[in-house]
C-alpha atoms as a PDB file:
ATOM      1  CA  MET A   1      -3.050   0.457  10.703  1.00  0.00           C
ATOM      2  CA  ILE A   2      -2.781  -3.068  12.057  1.00  0.00           C
ATOM      3  CA  ILE A   3       0.773  -4.412  11.671  1.00  0.00           C
ATOM      4  CA  ALA A   4       1.905  -7.955  12.379  1.00  0.00           C
ATOM      5  CA  SER A   5       5.040  -9.925  13.145  1.00  0.00           C
ATOM      6  CA  ALA A   6       5.168 -13.630  12.313  1.00  0.00           C
ATOM      7  CA  GLN A   7       7.580 -15.999  14.044  1.00  0.00           C
ATOM      8  CA  PHE A   8       8.155 -19.656  13.306  1.00  0.00           C
ATOM      9  CA  THR A   9      10.868 -22.306  13.158  1.00  0.00           C
ATOM     10  CA  ALA A  10      12.280 -22.492   9.657  1.00  0.00           C
ATOM     11  CA  ARG A  11      13.270 -25.810   8.095  1.00  0.00           C
ATOM     12  CA  PRO A  12      16.980 -25.641   7.112  1.00  0.00           C
ATOM     13  CA  GLY A  13      17.386 -24.963   3.405  1.00  0.00           C
ATOM     14  CA  ASP A  14      13.814 -25.990   2.561  1.00  0.00           C
ATOM     15  CA  ILE A  15      12.532 -23.022   0.616  1.00  0.00           C
ATOM     16  CA  GLU A  16       9.292 -24.656  -0.476  1.00  0.00           C
ATOM     17  CA  ALA A  17       8.300 -25.729   3.034  1.00  0.00           C
ATOM     18  CA  ASN A  18       9.178 -22.423   4.625  1.00  0.00           C
ATOM     19  CA  VAL A  19       7.390 -20.394   1.925  1.00  0.00           C
ATOM     20  CA  GLY A  20       4.312 -22.601   2.517  1.00  0.00           C
ATOM     21  CA  THR A  21       4.469 -21.861   6.227  1.00  0.00           C
ATOM     22  CA  MET A  22       4.910 -18.178   5.570  1.00  0.00           C
ATOM     23  CA  ALA A  23       1.948 -18.054   3.174  1.00  0.00           C
ATOM     24  CA  GLY A  24      -0.168 -19.548   5.933  1.00  0.00           C
ATOM     25  CA  LEU A  25       1.062 -16.917   8.350  1.00  0.00           C
ATOM     26  CA  VAL A  26       0.196 -14.155   5.890  1.00  0.00           C
ATOM     27  CA  ARG A  27      -3.328 -15.484   5.850  1.00  0.00           C
ATOM     28  CA  GLU A  28      -3.393 -15.706   9.638  1.00  0.00           C
ATOM     29  CA  ALA A  29      -2.185 -12.058   9.897  1.00  0.00           C
ATOM     30  CA  ALA A  30      -4.819 -11.013   7.384  1.00  0.00           C
ATOM     31  CA  GLY A  31      -7.461 -12.795   9.423  1.00  0.00           C
ATOM     32  CA  LYS A  32      -6.490 -10.536  12.337  1.00  0.00           C
ATOM     33  CA  GLY A  33      -6.869  -7.427  10.168  1.00  0.00           C
ATOM     34  CA  ALA A  34      -3.191  -6.810   9.424  1.00  0.00           C
ATOM     35  CA  SER A  35      -2.211  -4.631   6.476  1.00  0.00           C
ATOM     36  CA  LEU A  36       1.459  -5.613   6.829  1.00  0.00           C
ATOM     37  CA  VAL A  37       3.272  -8.670   8.159  1.00  0.00           C
ATOM     38  CA  ALA A  38       7.050  -9.197   8.624  1.00  0.00           C
ATOM     39  CA  PHE A  39       9.140 -12.361   8.908  1.00  0.00           C
ATOM     40  CA  PRO A  40      12.502 -13.062  10.657  1.00  0.00           C
ATOM     41  CA  GLU A  41      15.999 -12.859   9.230  1.00  0.00           C
ATOM     42  CA  LEU A  42      16.691 -15.481   6.547  1.00  0.00           C
ATOM     43  CA  ALA A  43      13.262 -16.959   7.190  1.00  0.00           C
ATOM     44  CA  VAL A  44      13.019 -18.402   3.675  1.00  0.00           C
ATOM     45  CA  THR A  45      16.052 -20.713   4.127  1.00  0.00           C
ATOM     46  CA  GLY A  46      16.538 -20.628   7.854  1.00  0.00           C
ATOM     47  CA  TYR A  47      19.586 -18.915   9.312  1.00  0.00           C
ATOM     48  CA  GLU A  48      21.875 -21.433   7.588  1.00  0.00           C
ATOM     49  CA  LEU A  49      24.917 -19.327   6.704  1.00  0.00           C
ATOM     50  CA  ALA A  50      27.315 -22.028   5.438  1.00  0.00           C
ATOM     51  CA  ALA A  51      24.596 -23.801   3.469  1.00  0.00           C
ATOM     52  CA  VAL A  52      23.554 -20.646   1.660  1.00  0.00           C
ATOM     53  CA  THR A  53      27.044 -19.544   0.697  1.00  0.00           C
ATOM     54  CA  ALA A  54      27.950 -23.097  -0.368  1.00  0.00           C
ATOM     55  CA  ASP A  55      25.068 -23.211  -2.786  1.00  0.00           C
ATOM     56  CA  PRO A  56      23.981 -19.627  -3.594  1.00  0.00           C
ATOM     57  CA  GLY A  57      22.745 -20.685  -7.047  1.00  0.00           C
ATOM     58  CA  ARG A  58      19.930 -22.602  -5.313  1.00  0.00           C
ATOM     59  CA  LEU A  59      19.449 -20.761  -2.034  1.00  0.00           C
ATOM     60  CA  ALA A  60      19.964 -17.063  -2.951  1.00  0.00           C
ATOM     61  CA  LEU A  61      16.873 -15.502  -4.536  1.00  0.00           C
ATOM     62  CA  GLU A  62      15.631 -12.605  -6.633  1.00  0.00           C
ATOM     63  CA  PRO A  63      12.312 -10.959  -5.691  1.00  0.00           C
ATOM     64  CA  GLY A  64      10.637 -12.610  -8.747  1.00  0.00           C
ATOM     65  CA  ASP A  65      11.857 -16.144  -7.900  1.00  0.00           C
ATOM     66  CA  PRO A  66       8.895 -18.476  -8.674  1.00  0.00           C
ATOM     67  CA  ARG A  67       9.492 -20.370  -5.438  1.00  0.00           C
ATOM     68  CA  LEU A  68       8.196 -17.320  -3.615  1.00  0.00           C
ATOM     69  CA  GLY A  69       4.996 -17.490  -5.658  1.00  0.00           C
ATOM     70  CA  PRO A  70       2.780 -19.076  -2.988  1.00  0.00           C
ATOM     71  CA  LEU A  71       3.662 -16.331  -0.493  1.00  0.00           C
ATOM     72  CA  ARG A  72       3.023 -13.626  -3.088  1.00  0.00           C
ATOM     73  CA  ALA A  73      -0.287 -15.255  -3.905  1.00  0.00           C
ATOM     74  CA  ALA A  74      -1.248 -15.118  -0.232  1.00  0.00           C
ATOM     75  CA  CYS A  75      -0.486 -11.382  -0.190  1.00  0.00           C
ATOM     76  CA  ARG A  76      -2.587 -10.884  -3.301  1.00  0.00           C
ATOM     77  CA  GLU A  77      -5.530 -12.996  -2.096  1.00  0.00           C
ATOM     78  CA  THR A  78      -5.686 -11.235   1.274  1.00  0.00           C
ATOM     79  CA  GLY A  79      -4.552  -7.729   0.352  1.00  0.00           C
ATOM     80  CA  THR A  80      -1.743  -7.927   2.847  1.00  0.00           C
ATOM     81  CA  ALA A  81       1.794  -6.573   2.301  1.00  0.00           C
ATOM     82  CA  ALA A  82       4.767  -8.633   3.514  1.00  0.00           C
ATOM     83  CA  VAL A  83       8.387  -8.086   4.442  1.00  0.00           C
ATOM     84  CA  VAL A  84      10.190 -11.308   3.523  1.00  0.00           C
ATOM     85  CA  ASN A  85      13.768 -11.934   4.600  1.00  0.00           C
ATOM     86  CA  CYS A  86      15.958 -14.296   2.571  1.00  0.00           C
ATOM     87  CA  ALA A  87      19.359 -14.631   1.007  1.00  0.00           C
ATOM     88  CA  GLY A  88      19.537 -12.261  -1.936  1.00  0.00           C
ATOM     89  CA  THR A  89      21.508 -12.867  -5.143  1.00  0.00           C
ATOM     90  CA  PRO A  90      24.892 -11.141  -5.314  1.00  0.00           C
ATOM     91  CA  ARG A  91      24.786  -7.522  -6.458  1.00  0.00           C
ATOM     92  CA  GLU A  92      28.106  -7.789  -8.203  1.00  0.00           C
ATOM     93  CA  ALA A  93      30.066 -10.504 -10.038  1.00  0.00           C
ATOM     94  CA  GLY A  94      32.325 -12.299  -7.615  1.00  0.00           C
ATOM     95  CA  ALA A  95      30.534 -11.036  -4.503  1.00  0.00           C
ATOM     96  CA  GLY A  96      28.737 -13.158  -1.997  1.00  0.00           C
ATOM     97  CA  PRO A  97      24.982 -13.297  -1.439  1.00  0.00           C
ATOM     98  CA  THR A  98      23.319 -10.675   0.704  1.00  0.00           C
ATOM     99  CA  ILE A  99      20.910 -10.933   3.617  1.00  0.00           C
ATOM    100  CA  SER A 100      17.900  -9.202   2.119  1.00  0.00           C
ATOM    101  CA  ALA A 101      14.383  -8.045   2.863  1.00  0.00           C
ATOM    102  CA  PHE A 102      11.988  -8.292  -0.117  1.00  0.00           C
ATOM    103  CA  VAL A 103       8.815  -6.238   0.263  1.00  0.00           C
ATOM    104  CA  TYR A 104       5.683  -7.356  -1.515  1.00  0.00           C
ATOM    105  CA  GLY A 105       2.654  -5.113  -1.813  1.00  0.00           C
ATOM    106  CA  PRO A 106      -0.928  -6.088  -1.088  1.00  0.00           C
ATOM    107  CA  ASP A 107      -1.164  -7.116  -4.748  1.00  0.00           C
ATOM    108  CA  GLY A 108       1.794  -9.499  -4.385  1.00  0.00           C
ATOM    109  CA  ALA A 109       3.995  -7.396  -6.594  1.00  0.00           C
ATOM    110  CA  PRO A 110       7.643  -6.608  -5.560  1.00  0.00           C
ATOM    111  CA  VAL A 111       7.997  -3.152  -4.012  1.00  0.00           C
ATOM    112  CA  THR A 112      11.595  -2.888  -2.922  1.00  0.00           C
ATOM    113  CA  ARG A 113      14.663  -4.845  -1.862  1.00  0.00           C
ATOM    114  CA  TYR A 114      16.890  -3.871   1.064  1.00  0.00           C
ATOM    115  CA  ASP A 115      20.241  -5.552   1.720  1.00  0.00           C
ATOM    116  CA  LYS A 116      21.576  -5.699   5.256  1.00  0.00           C
ATOM    117  CA  ARG A 117      24.121  -2.899   5.619  1.00  0.00           C
ATOM    118  CA  HIS A 118      25.908  -4.173   8.766  1.00  0.00           C
ATOM    119  CA  VAL A 119      26.692  -7.866   8.514  1.00  0.00           C
ATOM    120  CA  THR A 120      28.236  -9.536  11.539  1.00  0.00           C
ATOM    121  CA  GLU A 121      31.758 -10.985  11.609  1.00  0.00           C
ATOM    122  CA  LYS A 122      30.273 -14.453  11.448  1.00  0.00           C
ATOM    123  CA  GLU A 123      28.198 -13.557   8.365  1.00  0.00           C
ATOM    124  CA  THR A 124      31.235 -11.970   6.689  1.00  0.00           C
ATOM    125  CA  ALA A 125      33.344 -15.050   7.430  1.00  0.00           C
ATOM    126  CA  ALA A 126      30.632 -17.234   5.906  1.00  0.00           C
ATOM    127  CA  GLY A 127      30.840 -15.231   2.700  1.00  0.00           C
ATOM    128  CA  PHE A 128      27.894 -12.791   2.848  1.00  0.00           C
ATOM    129  CA  ALA A 129      28.305  -9.336   1.418  1.00  0.00           C
ATOM    130  CA  ALA A 130      27.117  -6.121   3.053  1.00  0.00           C
ATOM    131  CA  GLY A 131      24.568  -3.870   1.351  1.00  0.00           C
ATOM    132  CA  THR A 132      25.931  -0.664  -0.043  1.00  0.00           C
ATOM    133  CA  GLU A 133      22.782   1.351  -0.565  1.00  0.00           C
ATOM    134  CA  ASP A 134      20.781   3.000   2.228  1.00  0.00           C
ATOM    135  CA  GLY A 135      17.411   2.360   0.623  1.00  0.00           C
ATOM    136  CA  GLY A 136      14.940   0.298   2.562  1.00  0.00           C
ATOM    137  CA  ARG A 137      11.925   2.582   2.223  1.00  0.00           C
ATOM    138  CA  PHE A 138       8.415   1.944   0.972  1.00  0.00           C
ATOM    139  CA  VAL A 139       4.961   3.487   1.376  1.00  0.00           C
ATOM    140  CA  LEU A 140       1.882   1.547   2.401  1.00  0.00           C
ATOM    141  CA  ASP A 141      -1.519   3.175   2.842  1.00  0.00           C
ATOM    142  CA  GLY A 142       0.200   6.564   2.796  1.00  0.00           C
ATOM    143  CA  VAL A 143       2.652   5.575   5.598  1.00  0.00           C
ATOM    144  CA  ARG A 144       6.342   5.712   4.960  1.00  0.00           C
ATOM    145  CA  ILE A 145       8.144   2.687   6.360  1.00  0.00           C
ATOM    146  CA  GLY A 146      11.843   1.933   6.833  1.00  0.00           C
ATOM    147  CA  LEU A 147      13.677  -1.388   6.994  1.00  0.00           C
ATOM    148  CA  ALA A 148      16.521  -2.749   9.114  1.00  0.00           C
ATOM    149  CA  ILE A 149      17.949  -6.235   9.432  1.00  0.00           C
ATOM    150  CA  CYS A 150      19.107  -7.471  12.859  1.00  0.00           C
ATOM    151  CA  TYR A 151      22.623  -5.995  13.517  1.00  0.00           C
ATOM    152  CA  ASP A 152      21.631  -2.857  11.626  1.00  0.00           C
ATOM    153  CA  VAL A 153      19.647  -1.659  14.670  1.00  0.00           C
ATOM    154  CA  ASP A 154      22.880  -1.444  16.711  1.00  0.00           C
ATOM    155  CA  PHE A 155      23.901   1.472  14.483  1.00  0.00           C
ATOM    156  CA  PRO A 156      21.794   4.578  15.274  1.00  0.00           C
ATOM    157  CA  ASP A 157      22.376   6.135  11.895  1.00  0.00           C
ATOM    158  CA  ILE A 158      20.151   3.576  10.220  1.00  0.00           C
ATOM    159  CA  SER A 159      17.170   4.497  12.371  1.00  0.00           C
ATOM    160  CA  ALA A 160      18.013   8.203  12.429  1.00  0.00           C
ATOM    161  CA  ARG A 161      18.023   8.380   8.608  1.00  0.00           C
ATOM    162  CA  ALA A 162      14.738   6.537   8.482  1.00  0.00           C
ATOM    163  CA  ALA A 163      13.151   9.034  10.861  1.00  0.00           C
ATOM    164  CA  ALA A 164      14.715  11.994   8.987  1.00  0.00           C
ATOM    165  CA  ASP A 165      13.326  10.549   5.772  1.00  0.00           C
ATOM    166  CA  GLY A 166       9.775  10.742   7.106  1.00  0.00           C
ATOM    167  CA  CYS A 167       9.299   7.152   8.186  1.00  0.00           C
ATOM    168  CA  ALA A 168       6.742   6.530  10.937  1.00  0.00           C
ATOM    169  CA  LEU A 169       7.527   2.799  11.275  1.00  0.00           C
ATOM    170  CA  LEU A 170      10.776   0.826  11.272  1.00  0.00           C
ATOM    171  CA  VAL A 171      10.543  -2.897  10.538  1.00  0.00           C
ATOM    172  CA  ALA A 172      13.389  -5.015  11.867  1.00  0.00           C
ATOM    173  CA  THR A 173      13.683  -8.564  10.580  1.00  0.00           C
ATOM    174  CA  SER A 174      16.054 -10.284  12.944  1.00  0.00           C
ATOM    175  CA  LEU A 175      17.454 -13.242  14.847  1.00  0.00           C
ATOM    176  CA  TYR A 176      17.877 -12.957  18.588  1.00  0.00           C
ATOM    177  CA  GLY A 177      18.897 -16.155  20.353  1.00  0.00           C
ATOM    178  CA  SER A 178      18.052 -17.464  23.803  1.00  0.00           C
ATOM    179  CA  ASP A 179      21.664 -16.893  24.847  1.00  0.00           C
ATOM    180  CA  GLY A 180      21.476 -13.210  25.662  1.00  0.00           C
ATOM    181  CA  GLY A 181      18.992 -12.345  22.942  1.00  0.00           C
ATOM    182  CA  ARG A 182      16.123 -11.555  25.326  1.00  0.00           C
ATOM    183  CA  GLU A 183      18.287  -9.000  27.182  1.00  0.00           C
ATOM    184  CA  GLU A 184      19.543  -7.436  23.991  1.00  0.00           C
ATOM    185  CA  ARG A 185      16.043  -7.186  22.575  1.00  0.00           C
ATOM    186  CA  GLU A 186      14.713  -5.606  25.773  1.00  0.00           C
ATOM    187  CA  ARG A 187      17.564  -3.111  25.821  1.00  0.00           C
ATOM    188  CA  LEU A 188      17.617  -2.138  22.145  1.00  0.00           C
ATOM    189  CA  PHE A 189      14.080  -1.842  20.955  1.00  0.00           C
ATOM    190  CA  PRO A 190      12.416   0.480  23.507  1.00  0.00           C
ATOM    191  CA  ALA A 191      15.385   2.824  23.156  1.00  0.00           C
ATOM    192  CA  LEU A 192      15.325   2.634  19.383  1.00  0.00           C
ATOM    193  CA  ALA A 193      11.653   3.606  19.251  1.00  0.00           C
ATOM    194  CA  ARG A 194      11.982   6.348  21.873  1.00  0.00           C
ATOM    195  CA  ASP A 195      15.235   7.883  20.578  1.00  0.00           C
ATOM    196  CA  HIS A 196      13.966   8.271  17.036  1.00  0.00           C
ATOM    197  CA  GLY A 197      10.221   8.761  17.613  1.00  0.00           C
ATOM    198  CA  LEU A 198       9.276   5.715  15.621  1.00  0.00           C
ATOM    199  CA  HIS A 199       6.958   2.798  15.913  1.00  0.00           C
ATOM    200  CA  VAL A 200       9.148  -0.296  15.674  1.00  0.00           C
ATOM    201  CA  LEU A 201       8.171  -3.810  14.688  1.00  0.00           C
ATOM    202  CA  LEU A 202      10.484  -6.777  15.364  1.00  0.00           C
ATOM    203  CA  ALA A 203      10.178 -10.189  13.697  1.00  0.00           C
ATOM    204  CA  ASN A 204      12.271 -12.846  15.408  1.00  0.00           C
ATOM    205  CA  HIS A 205      12.871 -16.564  15.082  1.00  0.00           C
ATOM    206  CA  VAL A 206      11.547 -19.088  17.544  1.00  0.00           C
ATOM    207  CA  GLY A 207      13.348 -22.395  18.020  1.00  0.00           C
ATOM    208  CA  PRO A 208      16.475 -23.749  16.190  1.00  0.00           C
ATOM    209  CA  ALA A 209      17.977 -21.287  13.701  1.00  0.00           C
ATOM    210  CA  GLY A 210      21.406 -22.297  12.453  1.00  0.00           C
ATOM    211  CA  ASP A 211      23.784 -22.234  15.409  1.00  0.00           C
ATOM    212  CA  TYR A 212      21.270 -20.394  17.494  1.00  0.00           C
ATOM    213  CA  VAL A 213      17.943 -20.977  19.223  1.00  0.00           C
ATOM    214  CA  GLY A 214      15.572 -18.089  18.456  1.00  0.00           C
ATOM    215  CA  CYS A 215      14.007 -16.627  21.626  1.00  0.00           C
ATOM    216  CA  GLY A 216      10.762 -15.466  19.973  1.00  0.00           C
ATOM    217  CA  GLY A 217       9.233 -12.451  21.587  1.00  0.00           C
ATOM    218  CA  SER A 218       8.496 -10.668  18.323  1.00  0.00           C
ATOM    219  CA  GLY A 219       6.689  -7.442  19.030  1.00  0.00           C
ATOM    220  CA  VAL A 220       5.851  -3.799  18.487  1.00  0.00           C
ATOM    221  CA  TRP A 221       7.004  -0.753  20.413  1.00  0.00           C
ATOM    222  CA  GLY A 222       5.523   2.759  20.334  1.00  0.00           C
ATOM    223  CA  PRO A 223       7.421   6.051  19.930  1.00  0.00           C
ATOM    224  CA  ASP A 224       7.535   6.448  23.695  1.00  0.00           C
ATOM    225  CA  GLY A 225       9.394   3.144  23.985  1.00  0.00           C
ATOM    226  CA  GLY A 226       6.371   1.308  25.419  1.00  0.00           C
ATOM    227  CA  LEU A 227       5.656  -2.277  24.419  1.00  0.00           C
ATOM    228  CA  LEU A 228       2.424  -2.444  22.475  1.00  0.00           C
ATOM    229  CA  ALA A 229       2.379  -6.165  21.638  1.00  0.00           C
ATOM    230  CA  ALA A 230       4.576  -9.191  22.137  1.00  0.00           C
ATOM    231  CA  ALA A 231       4.541 -12.758  20.918  1.00  0.00           C
ATOM    232  CA  PRO A 232       5.293 -15.684  23.230  1.00  0.00           C
ATOM    233  CA  GLU A 233       8.914 -16.777  23.569  1.00  0.00           C
ATOM    234  CA  ALA A 234       8.329 -20.384  22.616  1.00  0.00           C
ATOM    235  CA  ALA A 235       5.445 -20.530  20.147  1.00  0.00           C
ATOM    236  CA  ALA A 236       5.084 -19.988  16.453  1.00  0.00           C
ATOM    237  CA  GLY A 237       2.356 -17.590  15.259  1.00  0.00           C
ATOM    238  CA  VAL A 238       1.426 -14.029  14.582  1.00  0.00           C
ATOM    239  CA  VAL A 239       1.240 -11.021  16.958  1.00  0.00           C
ATOM    240  CA  THR A 240      -0.523  -7.825  15.896  1.00  0.00           C
ATOM    241  CA  ALA A 241      -0.788  -4.243  17.073  1.00  0.00           C
ATOM    242  CA  ASP A 242      -3.143  -1.482  15.903  1.00  0.00           C
ATOM    243  CA  VAL A 243      -0.979   1.586  15.684  1.00  0.00           C
ATOM    244  CA  PRO A 244      -1.922   5.199  14.804  1.00  0.00           C
ATOM    245  CA  LEU A 245       0.305   5.694  11.802  1.00  0.00           C
END
């Protein structure tokens, strides 16, 4: 299976522009033979915490939101599944929005929604709510795949449960900044793959992302911890790896 990670610089709060960019990246990934492509954390709005929680009625989404239609159409036209990270609508009355991964199948239909279990102190202070359900599993071409969102990968139980649940691939939609993010990425992801016997795909931002500057370097690691593919640290685009899943 060829899997892909797409990195780009999101336009703050501009859902339509970002979805258009992402639809183009789905087509680029499909042109490289990818069956699955993943996007960075809060890619649909940019990592704009205060803006999202100030206006969740506009910037928090459901999987069926029509503004995601062009991206879903790209999945359907190319037969490519996508892991799309955005602000999710609150799960409960009075709660804040979530940081969520929506999975769309190769037909463009919603497959599952996973809400980030471990939100950071900064995300909590901004008003985001943590996910309460483990979830984050789907099957593509007979392969069971798990999901994690950024800080989740610092908690071994997330990856351990995915491996115990029969997942062969863990997809991490994330934001690692240029201030220490490279070192954190290089420390975490080889160990994550090796410790749990998983292929791991990372989708990271490149360029300005809220208060951070994404360091790029999206990539794929094999179960032995070896790096199989890596994107540049300063360029938007798609990186792919053909992995034996």
